[in-house]
Protein backbone atom coordinates (compact mmCIF):
# COMPACT_ATOMS: atom_id res chain seq x y z
CA MET A 1 0.00 0.00 0.00
CA SER A 2 1.42 3.42 -0.95
CA GLU A 3 2.16 5.95 1.77
CA GLY A 4 -0.54 8.23 0.44
CA ARG A 5 -3.20 5.56 1.01
CA LEU A 6 -1.92 4.15 4.29
CA PHE A 7 -5.04 5.07 6.27
CA GLU A 8 -7.63 5.10 3.47
CA ARG A 9 -9.10 1.61 3.88
CA PRO A 10 -9.03 1.59 7.72
CA ALA A 11 -10.78 5.00 7.66
CA GLU A 12 -13.50 3.62 5.40
CA GLU A 13 -14.09 0.87 7.96
CA LEU A 14 -14.51 3.52 10.67
CA GLN A 15 -16.96 5.64 8.66
CA ALA A 16 -20.20 4.33 10.16
CA ASP A 17 -18.90 4.70 13.73
CA LEU A 18 -17.71 8.23 13.06
CA VAL A 19 -21.08 9.22 11.61
CA ALA A 20 -22.83 7.81 14.68
CA VAL A 21 -20.67 9.72 17.16
CA ARG A 22 -20.88 12.90 15.05
CA ARG A 23 -24.67 12.79 15.17
CA GLU A 24 -24.65 12.13 18.88
CA LEU A 25 -22.40 15.16 19.38
CA HIS A 26 -24.66 17.20 17.09
CA GLN A 27 -27.65 16.59 19.37
CA ALA A 28 -25.60 17.14 22.54
CA VAL A 29 -24.41 20.58 21.44
CA GLU A 30 -23.26 22.95 24.18
CA LEU A 31 -21.98 26.54 24.27
CA GLY A 32 -18.88 28.27 25.47
CA LEU A 33 -16.16 26.94 27.74
CA GLN A 34 -18.18 24.51 29.85
CA LEU A 35 -19.28 21.54 27.76
CA PRO A 36 -19.70 18.64 30.24
CA GLU A 37 -21.82 16.36 28.06
CA THR A 38 -19.57 16.88 25.04
CA GLN A 39 -16.53 16.13 27.21
CA ARG A 40 -18.20 12.99 28.55
CA ILE A 41 -18.77 11.64 25.05
CA LEU A 42 -15.16 12.35 24.03
CA LEU A 43 -13.77 10.71 27.17
CA ARG A 44 -15.92 7.67 26.51
CA GLU A 45 -14.64 7.39 22.96
CA LEU A 46 -11.00 7.80 24.04
CA ALA A 47 -11.16 5.30 26.92
CA ASP A 48 -9.21 2.03 26.72
CA LEU A 49 -6.95 3.23 23.89
CA GLY A 50 -3.82 3.50 26.02
CA LEU A 51 -3.64 7.27 25.84
CA GLU A 52 -2.45 9.80 28.39
CA ILE A 53 -5.61 11.83 28.95
CA SER A 54 -6.03 15.10 30.84
CA THR A 55 -8.87 17.59 31.16
CA GLY A 56 -8.94 21.34 31.60
CA THR A 57 -9.42 23.36 34.77
CA ALA A 58 -10.94 26.62 33.51
CA LEU A 59 -12.72 24.84 30.65
CA THR A 60 -13.89 21.32 29.80
CA SER A 61 -11.09 20.59 27.36
CA VAL A 62 -9.69 17.14 26.60
CA THR A 63 -6.05 16.46 25.77
CA ALA A 64 -4.91 12.99 24.73
CA VAL A 65 -1.29 11.97 24.15
CA LEU A 66 -0.35 8.97 22.00
CA ARG A 67 3.25 7.84 22.37
CA GLY A 68 4.53 5.85 19.44
CA GLY A 69 6.64 2.75 19.64
CA LYS A 70 9.64 4.49 18.09
CA PRO A 71 11.41 7.65 19.21
CA GLY A 72 10.66 10.93 17.50
CA PRO A 73 9.25 14.42 17.94
CA VAL A 74 5.72 15.61 18.73
CA VAL A 75 2.93 16.67 16.37
CA LEU A 76 -0.35 18.26 17.52
CA LEU A 77 -3.79 17.74 15.93
CA ARG A 78 -6.68 19.94 17.03
CA ALA A 79 -10.49 19.97 16.97
CA ASP A 80 -12.90 22.50 18.51
CA MET A 81 -15.94 21.43 20.54
CA ASP A 82 -18.51 24.20 21.07
CA GLY A 83 -21.66 25.16 19.19
CA LEU A 84 -23.51 28.41 18.52
CA PRO A 85 -26.65 30.01 20.03
CA VAL A 86 -28.65 29.27 16.86
CA ALA A 87 -32.01 27.47 16.75
CA GLU A 88 -31.56 24.73 14.14
CA GLU A 89 -33.92 24.63 11.16
CA THR A 90 -32.33 21.95 9.00
CA GLY A 91 -35.08 19.33 9.27
CA LEU A 92 -32.50 16.61 9.93
CA ASP A 93 -33.71 13.64 11.92
CA PHE A 94 -30.83 14.22 14.37
CA ALA A 95 -31.26 18.00 14.54
CA SER A 96 -30.60 19.74 17.84
CA THR A 97 -33.74 20.88 19.65
CA SER A 98 -32.04 22.78 22.49
CA GLY A 99 -31.90 26.20 20.80
CA ALA A 100 -28.16 25.74 20.22
CA MET A 101 -26.58 24.24 17.10
CA HIS A 102 -23.34 22.94 15.65
CA ALA A 103 -23.68 25.44 12.80
CA CYS A 104 -19.93 25.65 12.24
CA GLY A 105 -19.20 21.96 11.92
CA HIS A 106 -17.39 21.45 15.21
CA ASP A 107 -19.22 18.13 15.67
CA LEU A 108 -17.50 16.90 12.50
CA HIS A 109 -14.19 18.27 13.73
CA MET A 110 -14.43 16.19 16.90
CA ALA A 111 -15.60 13.03 15.13
CA GLY A 112 -12.88 13.37 12.47
CA LEU A 113 -10.17 13.78 15.10
CA LEU A 114 -11.53 10.79 17.02
CA GLY A 115 -11.12 8.83 13.82
CA ALA A 116 -7.53 10.00 13.45
CA VAL A 117 -6.88 8.87 17.04
CA ARG A 118 -8.08 5.37 16.25
CA LEU A 119 -6.12 5.15 13.01
CA LEU A 120 -2.87 6.18 14.66
CA VAL A 121 -3.43 4.00 17.73
CA ALA A 122 -3.74 0.99 15.38
CA ARG A 123 -0.20 1.72 14.12
CA ARG A 124 1.23 2.76 17.45
CA ASP A 125 4.17 0.35 17.33
CA GLU A 126 5.39 1.87 14.03
CA LEU A 127 4.69 5.51 14.98
CA PRO A 128 8.03 7.39 15.14
CA GLY A 129 7.15 9.94 17.78
CA THR A 130 4.19 11.34 19.71
CA VAL A 131 0.86 12.87 18.74
CA VAL A 132 -1.08 15.25 20.96
CA PHE A 133 -4.84 15.41 20.28
CA MET A 134 -6.30 18.76 21.38
CA PHE A 135 -10.09 18.95 21.86
CA GLN A 136 -10.92 22.57 22.59
CA PRO A 137 -14.07 24.31 23.88
CA GLY A 138 -14.81 28.00 23.45
CA GLU A 139 -13.71 28.60 19.87
CA GLU A 140 -16.77 30.77 19.10
CA GLY A 141 -15.50 33.91 20.76
CA GLN A 142 -14.28 32.71 24.16
CA ALA A 143 -10.64 32.09 23.18
CA GLY A 144 -10.60 28.53 24.44
CA GLY A 145 -7.44 27.84 22.46
CA ARG A 146 -5.58 30.56 24.37
CA ILE A 147 -6.82 29.18 27.67
CA MET A 148 -5.62 25.69 26.74
CA LEU A 149 -2.19 27.15 25.94
CA GLU A 150 -2.16 28.82 29.34
CA GLU A 151 -3.06 25.47 30.93
CA GLY A 152 -0.12 23.76 29.18
CA VAL A 153 -1.49 21.88 26.20
CA LEU A 154 1.75 22.42 24.27
CA ASP A 155 3.66 20.70 27.08
CA ALA A 156 1.27 17.78 27.44
CA ALA A 157 3.85 15.39 25.94
CA ARG A 158 6.65 17.03 27.95
CA GLU A 159 8.11 18.20 24.67
CA ARG A 160 6.87 20.97 22.43
CA PRO A 161 5.27 20.02 19.11
CA VAL A 162 7.27 20.61 15.96
CA ALA A 163 4.05 21.09 13.95
CA ALA A 164 0.29 21.55 14.43
CA TYR A 165 -2.57 20.84 12.03
CA ALA A 166 -6.33 21.31 12.01
CA ILE A 167 -9.10 20.73 9.50
CA HIS A 168 -12.21 22.92 9.37
CA VAL A 169 -15.19 21.68 7.38
CA GLU A 170 -17.09 24.09 5.11
CA CYS A 171 -20.72 23.39 4.13
CA THR A 172 -20.68 25.48 0.92
CA VAL A 173 -17.43 24.08 -0.56
CA PRO A 174 -17.71 21.00 -2.83
CA ARG A 175 -17.56 17.75 -0.90
CA GLY A 176 -14.05 16.34 -0.61
CA GLN A 177 -12.25 19.50 -1.83
CA PHE A 178 -9.39 20.81 0.33
CA VAL A 179 -8.64 24.54 0.51
CA THR A 180 -5.70 26.30 2.16
CA ARG A 181 -2.90 28.78 1.53
CA GLN A 182 0.55 29.77 2.81
CA GLY A 183 0.76 32.80 5.08
CA SER A 184 -2.32 34.66 6.31
CA MET A 185 -5.25 32.26 6.17
CA MET A 186 -7.87 34.05 8.29
CA ALA A 187 -8.22 37.53 9.79
CA SER A 188 -7.82 38.79 13.30
CA ALA A 189 -11.00 39.69 15.18
CA SER A 190 -11.32 42.66 17.49
CA ALA A 191 -14.10 44.91 18.75
CA LEU A 192 -14.63 48.57 19.60
CA ARG A 193 -17.27 48.91 22.30
CA MET A 194 -18.70 52.42 22.60
CA THR A 195 -21.02 54.39 24.85
CA LEU A 196 -22.15 57.75 23.41
CA ARG A 197 -23.73 60.12 25.91
CA GLY A 198 -25.92 63.22 25.37
CA THR A 199 -28.50 64.64 27.78
CA GLY A 200 -31.84 63.22 26.63
CA GLY A 201 -35.09 65.13 26.76
CA HIS A 202 -38.56 65.55 25.21
CA ALA A 203 -38.87 64.40 21.59
CA ALA A 204 -40.92 67.56 20.83
CA PHE A 205 -38.14 69.88 21.95
CA PRO A 206 -34.80 68.55 20.70
CA GLN A 207 -33.34 72.05 20.90
CA ASN A 208 -33.40 71.72 24.70
CA ALA A 209 -31.36 68.51 24.71
CA ILE A 210 -28.28 66.97 23.20
CA ASP A 211 -29.68 64.04 21.23
CA PRO A 212 -26.99 61.34 20.77
CA VAL A 213 -28.94 59.38 18.13
CA PRO A 214 -28.07 61.53 15.08
CA VAL A 215 -24.52 61.72 16.39
CA ALA A 216 -24.45 57.90 16.49
CA ALA A 217 -25.43 57.97 12.81
CA GLN A 218 -22.45 60.22 12.11
CA LEU A 219 -20.18 57.78 13.98
CA ILE A 220 -21.43 54.86 11.92
CA LEU A 221 -20.72 56.68 8.65
CA ALA A 222 -17.32 57.75 9.95
CA VAL A 223 -16.41 54.14 10.70
CA GLN A 224 -17.06 53.17 7.08
CA THR A 225 -15.09 56.18 5.81
CA PHE A 226 -12.17 55.28 8.10
CA ALA A 227 -11.80 51.85 6.52
CA ALA A 228 -11.96 53.27 3.02
CA ARG A 229 -9.70 56.30 3.52
CA ARG A 230 -7.30 55.65 6.41
CA LEU A 231 -6.16 52.14 5.45
CA PRO A 232 -4.16 50.99 2.42
CA ALA A 233 -6.13 49.22 -0.26
CA THR A 234 -3.53 46.45 -0.26
CA ASP A 235 -4.08 45.72 3.44
CA GLN A 236 -7.69 46.51 4.10
CA ALA A 237 -9.85 45.89 7.13
CA VAL A 238 -13.50 45.01 7.44
CA ILE A 239 -15.20 47.12 10.10
CA SER A 240 -18.90 46.52 10.77
CA ILE A 241 -21.26 48.05 13.29
CA THR A 242 -22.88 44.98 14.81
CA ARG A 243 -24.74 46.40 17.81
CA LEU A 244 -26.76 49.59 18.20
CA SER A 245 -29.20 50.47 20.98
CA SER A 246 -30.36 53.41 23.06
CA ASP A 247 -31.71 53.85 26.57
CA SER A 248 -34.94 55.48 25.41
CA ALA A 249 -37.94 53.48 26.64
CA ALA A 250 -40.66 55.53 24.90
CA SER A 251 -41.25 57.02 21.46
CA ASN A 252 -41.49 60.54 22.84
CA VAL A 253 -38.28 60.42 24.88
CA LEU A 254 -34.91 61.40 23.39
CA ALA A 255 -32.17 58.98 24.37
CA ALA A 256 -29.51 60.13 26.77
CA GLU A 257 -27.17 57.30 25.82
CA VAL A 258 -26.47 55.11 22.80
CA GLN A 259 -24.50 51.87 22.84
CA LEU A 260 -22.55 50.83 19.73
CA GLU A 261 -20.15 48.04 18.96
CA ALA A 262 -17.93 47.62 15.92
CA ASN A 263 -16.48 44.29 14.80
CA ILE A 264 -13.01 44.72 13.28
CA ARG A 265 -11.22 42.24 11.00
CA THR A 266 -7.63 42.84 9.84
CA LEU A 267 -4.91 40.82 8.12
CA SER A 268 -1.81 42.44 9.64
CA LYS A 269 -0.62 43.76 12.98
CA ALA A 270 0.19 47.11 11.36
CA THR A 271 -3.39 47.63 10.19
CA LEU A 272 -4.76 46.48 13.51
CA GLU A 273 -2.54 49.01 15.31
CA THR A 274 -3.69 51.79 12.97
CA VAL A 275 -7.33 51.03 13.71
CA ARG A 276 -6.70 50.70 17.44
CA ASP A 277 -4.66 53.92 17.68
CA GLN A 278 -6.64 56.20 15.33
CA LEU A 279 -10.30 55.14 15.13
CA PRO A 280 -11.35 55.79 18.77
CA GLY A 281 -9.81 59.27 18.76
CA MET A 282 -11.49 60.22 15.51
CA LEU A 283 -14.87 59.09 16.83
CA ARG A 284 -14.41 60.93 20.11
CA GLY A 285 -13.69 64.11 18.14
CA ILE A 286 -16.99 63.76 16.25
CA ALA A 287 -18.87 63.15 19.49
CA GLU A 288 -17.34 66.19 21.20
CA ALA A 289 -18.00 68.43 18.19
CA ASN A 290 -21.68 67.61 18.69
CA GLY A 291 -21.70 68.21 22.44
CA CYS A 292 -21.55 64.50 23.39
CA THR A 293 -19.00 62.37 25.15
CA LEU A 294 -17.81 58.99 23.94
CA ASP A 295 -16.31 56.18 25.99
CA ALA A 296 -14.57 53.67 23.71
CA GLU A 297 -12.99 50.37 24.70
CA PHE A 298 -10.86 48.51 22.15
CA ILE A 299 -10.96 44.75 22.70
CA GLU A 300 -8.39 42.64 20.87
CA SER A 301 -9.51 39.04 20.36
CA TYR A 302 -8.23 36.44 17.94
CA PRO A 303 -4.98 37.16 16.09
CA VAL A 304 -4.44 36.56 12.38
CA THR A 305 -4.36 32.84 11.56
CA ARG A 306 -1.02 32.40 9.82
CA ASN A 307 -0.16 29.18 8.05
CA ASP A 308 3.56 28.51 8.22
CA PRO A 309 4.91 28.56 4.65
CA ASP A 310 7.13 25.47 5.01
CA GLU A 311 4.55 23.39 6.87
CA THR A 312 1.86 24.40 4.40
CA ALA A 313 4.07 23.43 1.46
CA PHE A 314 4.43 20.02 3.13
CA VAL A 315 0.64 19.78 3.66
CA LEU A 316 -0.16 20.79 0.09
CA GLY A 317 2.25 18.23 -1.31
CA ALA A 318 0.81 15.53 0.92
CA LEU A 319 -2.77 16.44 -0.05
CA ASP A 320 -1.88 16.38 -3.77
CA GLU A 321 -0.65 12.81 -3.33
CA MET A 322 -3.48 11.66 -1.07
CA VAL A 323 -6.52 13.00 -2.92
CA GLY A 324 -5.21 14.33 -6.22
CA ALA A 325 -4.12 17.85 -7.12
CA GLU A 326 -7.50 18.55 -8.77
CA ARG A 327 -9.13 18.44 -5.32
CA VAL A 328 -6.61 20.73 -3.63
CA VAL A 329 -7.27 24.47 -3.98
CA ARG A 330 -4.60 27.10 -3.26
CA LEU A 331 -6.65 29.98 -1.89
CA GLU A 332 -5.69 33.27 -3.52
CA ALA A 333 -6.73 35.54 -0.67
CA PRO A 334 -7.32 34.95 3.05
CA SER A 335 -10.77 34.72 4.59
CA MET A 336 -11.91 37.67 6.73
CA ALA A 337 -13.43 35.22 9.25
CA SER A 338 -11.30 34.31 12.27
CA GLU A 339 -10.20 31.19 14.14
CA ASP A 340 -8.60 30.75 17.54
CA PHE A 341 -6.37 27.99 16.19
CA ALA A 342 -4.42 31.18 15.47
CA TYR A 343 -3.14 31.08 19.08
CA VAL A 344 -1.60 27.66 18.48
CA LEU A 345 -0.07 28.78 15.18
CA GLU A 346 1.58 31.73 16.94
CA GLU A 347 3.51 29.21 19.04
CA VAL A 348 3.92 26.21 16.73
CA PRO A 349 4.45 26.16 12.93
CA GLY A 350 1.48 24.52 11.28
CA THR A 351 -1.48 24.73 8.95
CA LEU A 352 -5.24 25.13 8.99
CA VAL A 353 -7.04 23.43 6.09
CA PHE A 354 -10.66 23.70 4.97
CA LEU A 355 -12.47 20.58 3.79
CA GLY A 356 -15.59 20.86 1.66
CA ALA A 357 -18.64 19.11 3.14
CA ALA A 358 -21.42 20.52 0.97
CA PRO A 359 -24.42 18.19 0.70
CA ASP A 360 -25.81 17.36 -2.74
CA ASP A 361 -29.00 19.34 -2.12
CA GLY A 362 -27.21 22.43 -0.80
CA SER A 363 -26.79 24.15 2.53
CA GLY A 364 -27.18 27.45 4.22
CA PRO A 365 -23.91 29.26 5.10
CA LEU A 366 -21.77 28.61 8.14
CA HIS A 367 -23.31 29.90 11.37
CA SER A 368 -26.84 29.86 9.91
CA GLU A 369 -29.81 27.86 11.18
CA ARG A 370 -29.82 26.05 7.80
CA ALA A 371 -26.17 24.94 7.77
CA VAL A 372 -25.95 21.26 6.79
CA PHE A 373 -22.75 19.22 6.55
CA ASP A 374 -22.34 15.99 4.64
CA ASP A 375 -20.75 13.66 7.17
CA SER A 376 -19.68 11.23 4.49
CA VAL A 377 -16.38 13.22 4.57
CA LEU A 378 -15.54 11.99 8.09
CA GLY A 379 -13.47 9.01 6.97
CA LEU A 380 -11.50 11.21 4.59
CA GLN A 381 -11.02 13.83 7.29
CA ALA A 382 -9.74 11.25 9.75
CA ALA A 383 -7.40 9.67 7.20
CA VAL A 384 -5.87 13.00 6.19
CA LEU A 385 -5.28 14.10 9.79
CA ALA A 386 -3.65 10.78 10.62
CA GLU A 387 -1.58 10.85 7.42
CA LEU A 388 -0.31 14.37 8.08
CA ALA A 389 0.83 13.44 11.58
CA TRP A 390 2.39 10.18 10.33
CA ARG A 391 4.26 11.79 7.45
CA ARG A 392 5.48 14.72 9.55
CA LEU A 393 6.90 12.43 12.21
CA ARG A 394 8.57 10.21 9.60
CA ARG A 395 10.04 13.27 7.87
CA ALA A 396 11.47 14.59 11.13
CA ARG A 397 13.01 11.24 11.94
CA SER A 398 14.55 10.83 8.47
CA ALA A 399 16.10 14.30 8.78
CA GLU A 400 18.01 13.35 11.95
């Protein structure tokens, strides 16, 4: 059997089991950092495999360490665990009914990684090194990856990984197609949280008050102008006002206060610093010119997801051999979405890859109540993850 097909047939034999656990996880969806039922299912699936298993303290993470029968370095494989506060409307017979949903495919991520665990365990004696399996809560905005780093996931094997890989499914990309790129893969995510204050008053007599609502409209327009005129066209940012509310409780009462929040996506630290250093001051100036005050808090969240060029060249070459170059897409530009696998990639060279899981009859977009993923890709996902770890460990050993 060729190296590129080492795990193909065993993965096919696991397919039915992976679909079953994926659908169980889909119905057991939980939110945020505390996912006790999800953790219970993962621990059940990992039991009796001879792994070194640990769980998180500040979050319900699961880390499993597989030590191979031959000496070698460490490779990390990661899956995220949490869902989204979305009421599912897919009509699937295993749809979640809790008001939360795996609308970003994290149930497939967990099941695919469980498959990779089993494939590599079956070849433990030949494995030239160690694999760390990282199951992470809190990807959807709670920075669970950063917390796992703080709790020592990179030292779980008592030796730092030489490489880290993750696969993210995508429900609108053709089934079985792999997509990645070298360098910036996904954007950073930050927020600007603002409170604009006037004086409020009677809606019939605005001249006797300082109404912050029209000033808020000016701020919103200024945000869009900032992105278009203060940032280089070659390194743009996406800045969107995502929250807007006032404290007025009646139609005849002028608001005294307006709350706004801007979501900020950038592809470089330089652009992020420009937005952070200049945008709040510009908006405060507009507020003050209209007799209002503005409190602005800049909140940096996920960094840019950067695929290491060398590791990604290795991944692309391996994928070309495993599935055929016609199914491997080199992305021309990064996505403006974000991923907290970025925290791992800041510490360990590695690669994030997208895998198409579009069903034949179509799907809504990621994060929507109509997002549907074809779980027939699970065997392929498991085989590729296992193959990447296997090849990377063998390459490191041969280089010694």
